[in-house]
Amino acid sequence: MTAVLKVTKVLTLTPSWKRAGMLDEQTPPMRGNASSVEIVLQTLLRRVRAIILVTLLITASALGFSLVQTPTYEASVKILVGQKTTGDANLAANAANVSDLQELTLTVAEAAQTMPVAQSVVEQLNLPELSATEVLRNMSVEPDPGTMFVNLSYKSSDPKKAQLISNTLGDVLSQRISEVSLGTYSVTAKVWAPATLPQTPVSPDPLRNSLLALVLGSLLGVVSALLLEYVDDRWDSPEEVEEISGVPTFGVIPKFRAVASKKADILASKKVGEQ
């Protein structure tokens, strides 16, 4: 295997103004015969070890972090929003407009995420470690677009607790909404599908996190390789030396390593010669 002459060796064959790094504008660019794409590909091939190292490091870190995280379970209850008329039939027909009911669905969804509902859940379950603020922080409410359904979910590290609180939220919301009366009709919110016991956690997802980390690590590895190439001022080939210096390369020095015994013999012979 051969190695290119170090810069200090090559510069001894170049004029002094080039040794100082003052190359004129006529000096051909690095790898002038190669396109930009080829230069980038060659750079990535030279730095493939750094790219792989960065990618593996980030992927392994993401996987390890996902495995040590506490699993989180989510239970959901589906609520149907409707109207119940209490007056004239003509008014009832007007009140039953679908678009109005969908607007009421948005109102019910907003009402579910209020402190009175969360406080009622805490009082009904009588859980001292549970606070209304915690209930609001772990719950989520999403109305189904174009329907009169509202999906109410609750997350917890305990799947049974997630199911219990989710169903209690549905019951409390239904009761409080049924107490509201708007003129000749009242709003109703009934539990259509109660929450079931979740079997698998929703987070963390080691596979998804690892795939995302793999993509991100690959991008960072490529960027790192390009940065390393940018700050690396070494010359990599005899052709590159000739292009930049403008003088021919006379030869290369083979790369070798001297074992400890040979080093000792060399030093001993050198001392004998000096004597």
C-alpha atoms as a PDB file:
ATOM      1  CA  MET A   1       0.000   0.000   0.000  1.00  0.00           C
ATOM      2  CA  THR A   2       1.327   3.455  -0.877  1.00  0.00           C
ATOM      3  CA  ALA A   3       0.718   6.837   0.650  1.00  0.00           C
ATOM      4  CA  VAL A   4       0.927  10.305  -0.878  1.00  0.00           C
ATOM      5  CA  LEU A   5       3.801  12.538   0.115  1.00  0.00           C
ATOM      6  CA  LYS A   6       2.890  14.779   3.012  1.00  0.00           C
ATOM      7  CA  VAL A   7       2.284  18.436   2.234  1.00  0.00           C
ATOM      8  CA  THR A   8       5.586  19.439   3.818  1.00  0.00           C
ATOM      9  CA  LYS A   9       7.467  17.087   1.481  1.00  0.00           C
ATOM     10  CA  VAL A  10       5.615  18.222  -1.639  1.00  0.00           C
ATOM     11  CA  LEU A  11       6.095  21.883  -0.882  1.00  0.00           C
ATOM     12  CA  THR A  12       9.869  21.468  -0.964  1.00  0.00           C
ATOM     13  CA  LEU A  13       9.467  20.892  -4.704  1.00  0.00           C
ATOM     14  CA  THR A  14       7.317  23.995  -5.251  1.00  0.00           C
ATOM     15  CA  PRO A  15       8.241  27.671  -5.534  1.00  0.00           C
ATOM     16  CA  SER A  16       8.295  29.759  -2.390  1.00  0.00           C
ATOM     17  CA  TRP A  17       5.202  31.743  -3.317  1.00  0.00           C
ATOM     18  CA  LYS A  18       3.253  28.499  -3.583  1.00  0.00           C
ATOM     19  CA  ARG A  19       4.660  27.183  -0.331  1.00  0.00           C
ATOM     20  CA  ALA A  20       3.129  30.236   1.311  1.00  0.00           C
ATOM     21  CA  GLY A  21      -0.247  29.222  -0.067  1.00  0.00           C
ATOM     22  CA  MET A  22      -0.504  32.186  -2.479  1.00  0.00           C
ATOM     23  CA  LEU A  23      -1.801  30.269  -5.488  1.00  0.00           C
ATOM     24  CA  ASP A  24      -2.838  32.543  -8.354  1.00  0.00           C
ATOM     25  CA  GLU A  25      -6.240  32.579  -9.947  1.00  0.00           C
ATOM     26  CA  GLN A  26      -4.996  30.470 -12.857  1.00  0.00           C
ATOM     27  CA  THR A  27      -4.395  27.489 -10.597  1.00  0.00           C
ATOM     28  CA  PRO A  28      -6.874  24.768 -11.614  1.00  0.00           C
ATOM     29  CA  PRO A  29      -9.512  23.915  -8.972  1.00  0.00           C
ATOM     30  CA  MET A  30      -9.404  20.786  -6.899  1.00  0.00           C
ATOM     31  CA  ARG A  31     -10.377  17.762  -8.977  1.00  0.00           C
ATOM     32  CA  GLY A  32     -11.058  20.081 -11.885  1.00  0.00           C
ATOM     33  CA  ASN A  33     -11.987  17.207 -14.186  1.00  0.00           C
ATOM     34  CA  ALA A  34     -14.740  15.968 -11.848  1.00  0.00           C
ATOM     35  CA  SER A  35     -18.257  17.350 -11.554  1.00  0.00           C
ATOM     36  CA  SER A  36     -19.724  18.641  -8.314  1.00  0.00           C
ATOM     37  CA  VAL A  37     -21.807  15.497  -7.891  1.00  0.00           C
ATOM     38  CA  GLU A  38     -18.757  13.284  -8.344  1.00  0.00           C
ATOM     39  CA  ILE A  39     -16.809  15.327  -5.813  1.00  0.00           C
ATOM     40  CA  VAL A  40     -19.607  14.983  -3.256  1.00  0.00           C
ATOM     41  CA  LEU A  41     -19.879  11.238  -3.869  1.00  0.00           C
ATOM     42  CA  GLN A  42     -16.130  10.802  -3.515  1.00  0.00           C
ATOM     43  CA  THR A  43     -16.229  12.788  -0.282  1.00  0.00           C
ATOM     44  CA  LEU A  44     -19.023  10.627   1.138  1.00  0.00           C
ATOM     45  CA  LEU A  45     -17.169   7.457   0.184  1.00  0.00           C
ATOM     46  CA  ARG A  46     -14.040   8.652   1.977  1.00  0.00           C
ATOM     47  CA  ARG A  47     -16.067   9.583   5.050  1.00  0.00           C
ATOM     48  CA  VAL A  48     -18.357   6.556   5.042  1.00  0.00           C
ATOM     49  CA  ARG A  49     -17.037   5.398   8.419  1.00  0.00           C
ATOM     50  CA  ALA A  50     -17.909   8.724  10.036  1.00  0.00           C
ATOM     51  CA  ILE A  51     -21.382   8.638   8.485  1.00  0.00           C
ATOM     52  CA  ILE A  52     -22.033   5.114   9.755  1.00  0.00           C
ATOM     53  CA  LEU A  53     -20.712   5.975  13.215  1.00  0.00           C
ATOM     54  CA  VAL A  54     -22.954   9.036  13.592  1.00  0.00           C
ATOM     55  CA  THR A  55     -25.987   7.137  12.286  1.00  0.00           C
ATOM     56  CA  LEU A  56     -25.487   4.191  14.635  1.00  0.00           C
ATOM     57  CA  LEU A  57     -24.857   6.464  17.607  1.00  0.00           C
ATOM     58  CA  ILE A  58     -28.052   8.468  17.142  1.00  0.00           C
ATOM     59  CA  THR A  59     -30.172   5.389  16.360  1.00  0.00           C
ATOM     60  CA  ALA A  60     -28.869   3.486  19.378  1.00  0.00           C
ATOM     61  CA  SER A  61     -29.472   6.499  21.630  1.00  0.00           C
ATOM     62  CA  ALA A  62     -33.068   6.848  20.433  1.00  0.00           C
ATOM     63  CA  LEU A  63     -33.730   3.132  20.863  1.00  0.00           C
ATOM     64  CA  GLY A  64     -32.209   3.081  24.353  1.00  0.00           C
ATOM     65  CA  PHE A  65     -34.186   6.142  25.416  1.00  0.00           C
ATOM     66  CA  SER A  66     -37.417   4.573  24.138  1.00  0.00           C
ATOM     67  CA  LEU A  67     -36.795   1.349  26.027  1.00  0.00           C
ATOM     68  CA  VAL A  68     -36.225   3.066  29.378  1.00  0.00           C
ATOM     69  CA  GLN A  69     -39.294   5.298  29.109  1.00  0.00           C
ATOM     70  CA  THR A  70     -42.409   4.439  31.113  1.00  0.00           C
ATOM     71  CA  PRO A  71     -45.162   3.055  28.830  1.00  0.00           C
ATOM     72  CA  THR A  72     -48.240   5.249  28.427  1.00  0.00           C
ATOM     73  CA  TYR A  73     -51.703   3.804  27.751  1.00  0.00           C
ATOM     74  CA  GLU A  74     -54.675   5.610  26.250  1.00  0.00           C
ATOM     75  CA  ALA A  75     -58.363   4.804  26.661  1.00  0.00           C
ATOM     76  CA  SER A  76     -61.067   6.537  24.598  1.00  0.00           C
ATOM     77  CA  VAL A  77     -64.815   6.975  24.939  1.00  0.00           C
ATOM     78  CA  LYS A  78     -67.107   8.050  22.096  1.00  0.00           C
ATOM     79  CA  ILE A  79     -69.889  10.512  22.895  1.00  0.00           C
ATOM     80  CA  LEU A  80     -72.922  11.276  20.698  1.00  0.00           C
ATOM     81  CA  VAL A  81     -74.191  14.847  20.791  1.00  0.00           C
ATOM     82  CA  GLY A  82     -77.861  15.557  20.064  1.00  0.00           C
ATOM     83  CA  GLN A  83     -80.880  17.697  20.887  1.00  0.00           C
ATOM     84  CA  LYS A  84     -84.057  17.061  22.812  1.00  0.00           C
ATOM     85  CA  THR A  85     -86.960  19.367  22.115  1.00  0.00           C
ATOM     86  CA  THR A  86     -89.290  20.616  24.810  1.00  0.00           C
ATOM     87  CA  GLY A  87     -91.646  22.908  22.827  1.00  0.00           C
ATOM     88  CA  ASP A  88     -93.501  23.349  19.535  1.00  0.00           C
ATOM     89  CA  ALA A  89     -92.993  20.765  16.772  1.00  0.00           C
ATOM     90  CA  ASN A  90     -92.146  23.429  14.166  1.00  0.00           C
ATOM     91  CA  LEU A  91     -89.446  24.821  16.415  1.00  0.00           C
ATOM     92  CA  ALA A  92     -88.255  21.293  16.969  1.00  0.00           C
ATOM     93  CA  ALA A  93     -87.833  20.759  13.226  1.00  0.00           C
ATOM     94  CA  ASN A  94     -85.781  23.937  12.981  1.00  0.00           C
ATOM     95  CA  ALA A  95     -83.733  22.971  15.992  1.00  0.00           C
ATOM     96  CA  ALA A  96     -82.802  19.623  14.472  1.00  0.00           C
ATOM     97  CA  ASN A  97     -80.714  21.176  11.706  1.00  0.00           C
ATOM     98  CA  VAL A  98     -77.621  19.028  11.132  1.00  0.00           C
ATOM     99  CA  SER A  99     -75.220  21.950  10.791  1.00  0.00           C
ATOM    100  CA  ASP A 100     -76.433  23.354  14.099  1.00  0.00           C
ATOM    101  CA  LEU A 101     -75.859  19.985  15.744  1.00  0.00           C
ATOM    102  CA  GLN A 102     -72.313  19.878  14.396  1.00  0.00           C
ATOM    103  CA  GLU A 103     -71.674  23.300  15.870  1.00  0.00           C
ATOM    104  CA  LEU A 104     -73.012  22.005  19.179  1.00  0.00           C
ATOM    105  CA  THR A 105     -70.517  19.141  18.901  1.00  0.00           C
ATOM    106  CA  LEU A 106     -67.684  21.669  18.890  1.00  0.00           C
ATOM    107  CA  THR A 107     -69.212  23.361  21.927  1.00  0.00           C
ATOM    108  CA  VAL A 108     -69.460  20.069  23.802  1.00  0.00           C
ATOM    109  CA  ALA A 109     -65.839  19.285  22.956  1.00  0.00           C
ATOM    110  CA  GLU A 110     -64.758  22.624  24.392  1.00  0.00           C
ATOM    111  CA  ALA A 111     -66.898  22.091  27.499  1.00  0.00           C
ATOM    112  CA  ALA A 112     -65.220  18.742  28.175  1.00  0.00           C
ATOM    113  CA  GLN A 113     -61.849  20.447  28.621  1.00  0.00           C
ATOM    114  CA  THR A 114     -62.908  22.742  31.462  1.00  0.00           C
ATOM    115  CA  MET A 115     -62.066  22.767  35.134  1.00  0.00           C
ATOM    116  CA  PRO A 116     -65.656  22.041  36.382  1.00  0.00           C
ATOM    117  CA  VAL A 117     -65.715  18.738  34.462  1.00  0.00           C
ATOM    118  CA  ALA A 118     -62.245  17.731  35.662  1.00  0.00           C
ATOM    119  CA  GLN A 119     -63.078  18.646  39.253  1.00  0.00           C
ATOM    120  CA  SER A 120     -66.279  16.564  39.122  1.00  0.00           C
ATOM    121  CA  VAL A 121     -64.242  13.566  37.931  1.00  0.00           C
ATOM    122  CA  VAL A 122     -61.830  13.906  40.858  1.00  0.00           C
ATOM    123  CA  GLU A 123     -64.677  14.176  43.360  1.00  0.00           C
ATOM    124  CA  GLN A 124     -66.558  11.218  41.891  1.00  0.00           C
ATOM    125  CA  LEU A 125     -63.524   8.908  41.847  1.00  0.00           C
ATOM    126  CA  ASN A 126     -62.263  10.131  45.221  1.00  0.00           C
ATOM    127  CA  LEU A 127     -58.613   9.678  44.260  1.00  0.00           C
ATOM    128  CA  PRO A 128     -56.406  11.782  46.563  1.00  0.00           C
ATOM    129  CA  GLU A 129     -53.389  11.577  44.277  1.00  0.00           C
ATOM    130  CA  LEU A 130     -55.403  12.844  41.299  1.00  0.00           C
ATOM    131  CA  SER A 131     -55.943  16.556  40.735  1.00  0.00           C
ATOM    132  CA  ALA A 132     -58.174  18.419  38.318  1.00  0.00           C
ATOM    133  CA  THR A 133     -55.116  19.948  36.665  1.00  0.00           C
ATOM    134  CA  GLU A 134     -53.660  16.491  36.055  1.00  0.00           C
ATOM    135  CA  VAL A 135     -56.933  15.341  34.515  1.00  0.00           C
ATOM    136  CA  LEU A 136     -56.938  18.257  32.086  1.00  0.00           C
ATOM    137  CA  ARG A 137     -53.269  17.704  31.241  1.00  0.00           C
ATOM    138  CA  ASN A 138     -53.713  14.016  30.360  1.00  0.00           C
ATOM    139  CA  MET A 139     -57.046  14.209  28.561  1.00  0.00           C
ATOM    140  CA  SER A 140     -57.707  15.056  24.920  1.00  0.00           C
ATOM    141  CA  VAL A 141     -60.985  15.779  23.119  1.00  0.00           C
ATOM    142  CA  GLU A 142     -61.472  15.664  19.356  1.00  0.00           C
ATOM    143  CA  PRO A 143     -64.797  16.013  17.511  1.00  0.00           C
ATOM    144  CA  ASP A 144     -65.213  13.806  14.433  1.00  0.00           C
ATOM    145  CA  PRO A 145     -65.458  16.178  11.445  1.00  0.00           C
ATOM    146  CA  GLY A 146     -68.854  16.024   9.711  1.00  0.00           C
ATOM    147  CA  THR A 147     -70.443  13.962  12.497  1.00  0.00           C
ATOM    148  CA  MET A 148     -72.018  14.518  15.887  1.00  0.00           C
ATOM    149  CA  PHE A 149     -69.518  12.310  17.709  1.00  0.00           C
ATOM    150  CA  VAL A 150     -66.878  13.486  20.163  1.00  0.00           C
ATOM    151  CA  ASN A 151     -63.878  11.309  21.029  1.00  0.00           C
ATOM    152  CA  LEU A 152     -62.664  11.794  24.582  1.00  0.00           C
ATOM    153  CA  SER A 153     -59.356  10.138  25.554  1.00  0.00           C
ATOM    154  CA  TYR A 154     -57.245   9.886  28.688  1.00  0.00           C
ATOM    155  CA  LYS A 155     -53.600   8.807  29.023  1.00  0.00           C
ATOM    156  CA  SER A 156     -51.992   7.125  32.010  1.00  0.00           C
ATOM    157  CA  SER A 157     -49.146   4.777  32.826  1.00  0.00           C
ATOM    158  CA  ASP A 158     -51.779   2.419  34.318  1.00  0.00           C
ATOM    159  CA  PRO A 159     -54.145   0.995  31.664  1.00  0.00           C
ATOM    160  CA  LYS A 160     -56.925   0.362  34.214  1.00  0.00           C
ATOM    161  CA  LYS A 161     -56.677   3.933  35.464  1.00  0.00           C
ATOM    162  CA  ALA A 162     -56.844   5.246  31.916  1.00  0.00           C
ATOM    163  CA  GLN A 163     -60.017   3.258  31.271  1.00  0.00           C
ATOM    164  CA  LEU A 164     -61.635   4.282  34.568  1.00  0.00           C
ATOM    165  CA  ILE A 165     -60.980   8.003  34.211  1.00  0.00           C
ATOM    166  CA  SER A 166     -61.988   8.027  30.551  1.00  0.00           C
ATOM    167  CA  ASN A 167     -65.363   6.432  31.300  1.00  0.00           C
ATOM    168  CA  THR A 168     -65.870   8.746  34.277  1.00  0.00           C
ATOM    169  CA  LEU A 169     -65.159  11.763  32.067  1.00  0.00           C
ATOM    170  CA  GLY A 170     -67.818  10.542  29.631  1.00  0.00           C
ATOM    171  CA  ASP A 171     -70.392  10.101  32.395  1.00  0.00           C
ATOM    172  CA  VAL A 172     -69.665  13.471  34.004  1.00  0.00           C
ATOM    173  CA  LEU A 173     -69.769  15.284  30.670  1.00  0.00           C
ATOM    174  CA  SER A 174     -73.087  13.649  29.741  1.00  0.00           C
ATOM    175  CA  GLN A 175     -74.621  14.604  33.076  1.00  0.00           C
ATOM    176  CA  ARG A 176     -73.487  18.233  32.986  1.00  0.00           C
ATOM    177  CA  ILE A 177     -74.505  18.723  29.339  1.00  0.00           C
ATOM    178  CA  SER A 178     -77.988  17.281  30.012  1.00  0.00           C
ATOM    179  CA  GLU A 179     -78.517  20.040  32.578  1.00  0.00           C
ATOM    180  CA  VAL A 180     -78.158  22.704  29.880  1.00  0.00           C
ATOM    181  CA  SER A 181     -81.360  23.997  28.273  1.00  0.00           C
ATOM    182  CA  LEU A 182     -81.338  26.413  25.326  1.00  0.00           C
ATOM    183  CA  GLY A 183     -84.859  27.765  24.909  1.00  0.00           C
ATOM    184  CA  THR A 184     -87.195  25.203  23.423  1.00  0.00           C
ATOM    185  CA  TYR A 185     -84.612  22.430  23.201  1.00  0.00           C
ATOM    186  CA  SER A 186     -81.864  20.980  25.347  1.00  0.00           C
ATOM    187  CA  VAL A 187     -78.515  19.548  24.381  1.00  0.00           C
ATOM    188  CA  THR A 188     -77.808  15.892  25.010  1.00  0.00           C
ATOM    189  CA  ALA A 189     -74.480  14.044  25.195  1.00  0.00           C
ATOM    190  CA  LYS A 190     -74.695  10.287  25.571  1.00  0.00           C
ATOM    191  CA  VAL A 191     -71.899   7.759  25.856  1.00  0.00           C
ATOM    192  CA  TRP A 192     -72.112   5.829  22.594  1.00  0.00           C
ATOM    193  CA  ALA A 193     -69.091   3.571  23.079  1.00  0.00           C
ATOM    194  CA  PRO A 194     -67.472   3.283  26.512  1.00  0.00           C
ATOM    195  CA  ALA A 195     -63.715   2.985  26.876  1.00  0.00           C
ATOM    196  CA  THR A 196     -62.163  -0.468  26.840  1.00  0.00           C
ATOM    197  CA  LEU A 197     -59.028  -1.624  28.617  1.00  0.00           C
ATOM    198  CA  PRO A 198     -56.018  -0.687  26.432  1.00  0.00           C
ATOM    199  CA  GLN A 199     -53.724  -3.614  25.710  1.00  0.00           C
ATOM    200  CA  THR A 200     -50.734  -1.911  24.114  1.00  0.00           C
ATOM    201  CA  PRO A 201     -49.097   1.407  25.029  1.00  0.00           C
ATOM    202  CA  VAL A 202     -49.370   4.360  22.674  1.00  0.00           C
ATOM    203  CA  SER A 203     -45.903   5.559  23.661  1.00  0.00           C
ATOM    204  CA  PRO A 204     -43.055   5.102  23.474  1.00  0.00           C
ATOM    205  CA  ASP A 205     -42.834   3.436  20.063  1.00  0.00           C
ATOM    206  CA  PRO A 206     -39.278   2.026  19.799  1.00  0.00           C
ATOM    207  CA  LEU A 207     -39.659   1.024  16.145  1.00  0.00           C
ATOM    208  CA  ARG A 208     -40.938   4.403  15.013  1.00  0.00           C
ATOM    209  CA  ASN A 209     -38.386   6.287  17.085  1.00  0.00           C
ATOM    210  CA  SER A 210     -35.567   4.118  15.739  1.00  0.00           C
ATOM    211  CA  LEU A 211     -36.621   4.688  12.134  1.00  0.00           C
ATOM    212  CA  LEU A 212     -36.824   8.443  12.664  1.00  0.00           C
ATOM    213  CA  ALA A 213     -33.447   8.414  14.393  1.00  0.00           C
ATOM    214  CA  LEU A 214     -31.998   6.375  11.515  1.00  0.00           C
ATOM    215  CA  VAL A 215     -33.113   8.983   8.985  1.00  0.00           C
ATOM    216  CA  LEU A 216     -31.963  11.878  11.157  1.00  0.00           C
ATOM    217  CA  GLY A 217     -28.668  10.160  11.940  1.00  0.00           C
ATOM    218  CA  SER A 218     -28.002   9.567   8.236  1.00  0.00           C
ATOM    219  CA  LEU A 219     -28.592  13.236   7.449  1.00  0.00           C
ATOM    220  CA  LEU A 220     -26.363  14.358  10.312  1.00  0.00           C
ATOM    221  CA  GLY A 221     -23.724  11.857   9.235  1.00  0.00           C
ATOM    222  CA  VAL A 222     -23.672  13.285   5.718  1.00  0.00           C
ATOM    223  CA  VAL A 223     -23.478  16.835   7.061  1.00  0.00           C
ATOM    224  CA  SER A 224     -20.666  15.821   9.415  1.00  0.00           C
ATOM    225  CA  ALA A 225     -18.771  14.210   6.536  1.00  0.00           C
ATOM    226  CA  LEU A 226     -19.049  17.356   4.440  1.00  0.00           C
ATOM    227  CA  LEU A 227     -17.924  19.526   7.362  1.00  0.00           C
ATOM    228  CA  LEU A 228     -14.940  17.279   8.016  1.00  0.00           C
ATOM    229  CA  GLU A 229     -14.009  17.489   4.360  1.00  0.00           C
ATOM    230  CA  TYR A 230     -14.348  21.263   4.453  1.00  0.00           C
ATOM    231  CA  VAL A 231     -11.990  21.735   7.400  1.00  0.00           C
ATOM    232  CA  ASP A 232      -9.549  19.061   6.213  1.00  0.00           C
ATOM    233  CA  ASP A 233      -6.684  20.820   4.396  1.00  0.00           C
ATOM    234  CA  ARG A 234      -4.749  17.657   3.500  1.00  0.00           C
ATOM    235  CA  TRP A 235      -4.126  16.567  -0.084  1.00  0.00           C
ATOM    236  CA  ASP A 236      -5.444  13.113  -0.834  1.00  0.00           C
ATOM    237  CA  SER A 237      -3.837  12.070  -4.129  1.00  0.00           C
ATOM    238  CA  PRO A 238      -0.845  12.794  -6.370  1.00  0.00           C
ATOM    239  CA  GLU A 239      -3.191  14.191  -9.002  1.00  0.00           C
ATOM    240  CA  GLU A 240      -4.631  16.683  -6.518  1.00  0.00           C
ATOM    241  CA  VAL A 241      -1.103  17.764  -5.544  1.00  0.00           C
ATOM    242  CA  GLU A 242      -0.229  18.364  -9.180  1.00  0.00           C
ATOM    243  CA  GLU A 243      -3.434  20.297  -9.869  1.00  0.00           C
ATOM    244  CA  ILE A 244      -3.060  22.616  -6.895  1.00  0.00           C
ATOM    245  CA  SER A 245       0.717  23.059  -6.862  1.00  0.00           C
ATOM    246  CA  GLY A 246       1.242  23.178 -10.598  1.00  0.00           C
ATOM    247  CA  VAL A 247       4.364  20.977 -10.401  1.00  0.00           C
ATOM    248  CA  PRO A 248       4.688  17.277 -11.132  1.00  0.00           C
ATOM    249  CA  THR A 249       4.864  14.636  -8.418  1.00  0.00           C
ATOM    250  CA  PHE A 250       8.134  12.735  -8.630  1.00  0.00           C
ATOM    251  CA  GLY A 251       7.113   9.776  -6.549  1.00  0.00           C
ATOM    252  CA  VAL A 252       5.358   8.390  -3.507  1.00  0.00           C
ATOM    253  CA  ILE A 253       6.649   6.922  -0.293  1.00  0.00           C
ATOM    254  CA  PRO A 254       5.273   3.476   0.621  1.00  0.00           C
ATOM    255  CA  LYS A 255       3.340   3.396   3.856  1.00  0.00           C
ATOM    256  CA  PHE A 256       4.927   1.086   6.401  1.00  0.00           C
ATOM    257  CA  ARG A 257       5.084   0.510  10.122  1.00  0.00           C
ATOM    258  CA  ALA A 258       8.208  -0.497  11.972  1.00  0.00           C
ATOM    259  CA  VAL A 259       7.766  -3.008  14.757  1.00  0.00           C
ATOM    260  CA  ALA A 260       9.315  -2.341  18.155  1.00  0.00           C
ATOM    261  CA  SER A 261      12.301  -4.640  17.555  1.00  0.00           C
ATOM    262  CA  LYS A 262      13.164  -2.958  14.259  1.00  0.00           C
ATOM    263  CA  LYS A 263      12.873   0.468  15.860  1.00  0.00           C
ATOM    264  CA  ALA A 264      15.331  -0.595  18.530  1.00  0.00           C
ATOM    265  CA  ASP A 265      17.768  -1.877  15.886  1.00  0.00           C
ATOM    266  CA  ILE A 266      17.503   1.371  13.938  1.00  0.00           C
ATOM    267  CA  LEU A 267      18.170   3.469  17.034  1.00  0.00           C
ATOM    268  CA  ALA A 268      21.089   1.267  18.041  1.00  0.00           C
ATOM    269  CA  SER A 269      22.708   1.471  14.590  1.00  0.00           C
ATOM    270  CA  LYS A 270      22.212   5.221  14.594  1.00  0.00           C
ATOM    271  CA  LYS A 271      23.990   5.592  17.923  1.00  0.00           C
ATOM    272  CA  VAL A 272      26.867   3.419  16.696  1.00  0.00           C
ATOM    273  CA  GLY A 273      27.200   5.543  13.573  1.00  0.00           C
ATOM    274  CA  GLU A 274      27.290   8.746  15.619  1.00  0.00           C
ATOM    275  CA  GLN A 275      30.047   7.345  17.781  1.00  0.00           C
END
